Amino acid sequence: MRLILPFFMTIIFVLYVLYLAFIKKDLKKNMQTVVYPGVFFISVWVICYFIFLY
């Protein structure tokens, strides 16, 4: 379960960014509030995950 849940949450984030880009067409407006913090959170999570797990 530890591996599956973060994977699905990352997929949900990517789908939300695609939704903002193609359906709502306001991705540029949400770069500072959605995309950058999301990518930062995912990258920090991946680094911590590999440091503590391996």
Protein backbone atom coordinates (compact mmCIF):
# COMPACT_ATOMS: atom_id res chain seq x y z
CA MET A 1 0.00 0.00 0.00
CA ARG A 2 2.94 2.32 0.64
CA LEU A 3 3.94 2.21 -3.01
CA ILE A 4 0.49 2.28 -4.59
CA LEU A 5 -1.06 5.30 -2.88
CA PRO A 6 1.66 7.87 -3.74
CA PHE A 7 1.71 6.58 -7.29
CA PHE A 8 -2.04 7.15 -7.66
CA MET A 9 -1.83 10.58 -6.01
CA THR A 10 0.85 11.58 -8.53
CA ILE A 11 -1.36 10.37 -11.38
CA ILE A 12 -4.27 12.41 -10.00
CA PHE A 13 -2.04 15.50 -9.85
CA VAL A 14 -0.91 15.01 -13.45
CA LEU A 15 -4.51 14.54 -14.57
CA TYR A 16 -5.51 17.74 -12.75
CA VAL A 17 -2.71 19.68 -14.46
CA LEU A 18 -3.83 18.28 -17.83
CA TYR A 19 -7.40 19.31 -16.98
CA LEU A 20 -6.22 22.85 -16.25
CA ALA A 21 -4.22 22.94 -19.47
CA PHE A 22 -6.72 21.51 -21.94
CA ILE A 23 -10.23 21.85 -20.50
CA LYS A 24 -10.13 25.08 -18.49
CA LYS A 25 -7.25 26.59 -20.50
CA ASP A 26 -5.92 28.58 -17.55
CA LEU A 27 -2.76 26.68 -16.70
CA LYS A 28 -0.56 29.77 -16.94
CA LYS A 29 -2.69 31.51 -14.31
CA ASN A 30 -2.31 28.53 -11.95
CA MET A 31 1.42 27.90 -12.41
CA GLN A 32 2.37 29.68 -9.16
CA THR A 33 -0.45 28.22 -7.07
CA VAL A 34 -0.84 24.66 -8.39
CA VAL A 35 1.93 23.42 -10.66
CA TYR A 36 5.11 24.65 -8.97
CA PRO A 37 4.10 23.65 -5.43
CA GLY A 38 2.84 20.29 -6.69
CA VAL A 39 6.04 19.50 -8.56
CA PHE A 40 8.10 20.64 -5.58
CA PHE A 41 6.10 18.43 -3.20
CA ILE A 42 6.40 15.39 -5.47
CA SER A 43 10.14 15.86 -5.94
CA VAL A 44 10.77 16.28 -2.19
CA TRP A 45 8.63 13.22 -1.49
CA VAL A 46 10.59 11.14 -4.01
CA ILE A 47 13.94 12.24 -2.57
CA CYS A 48 12.86 11.48 1.00
CA TYR A 49 11.32 8.19 -0.05
CA PHE A 50 14.51 6.95 -1.67
CA ILE A 51 16.74 8.23 1.14
CA PHE A 52 14.75 6.59 3.91
CA LEU A 53 13.75 3.43 2.07
CA TYR A 54 17.10 2.49 0.52
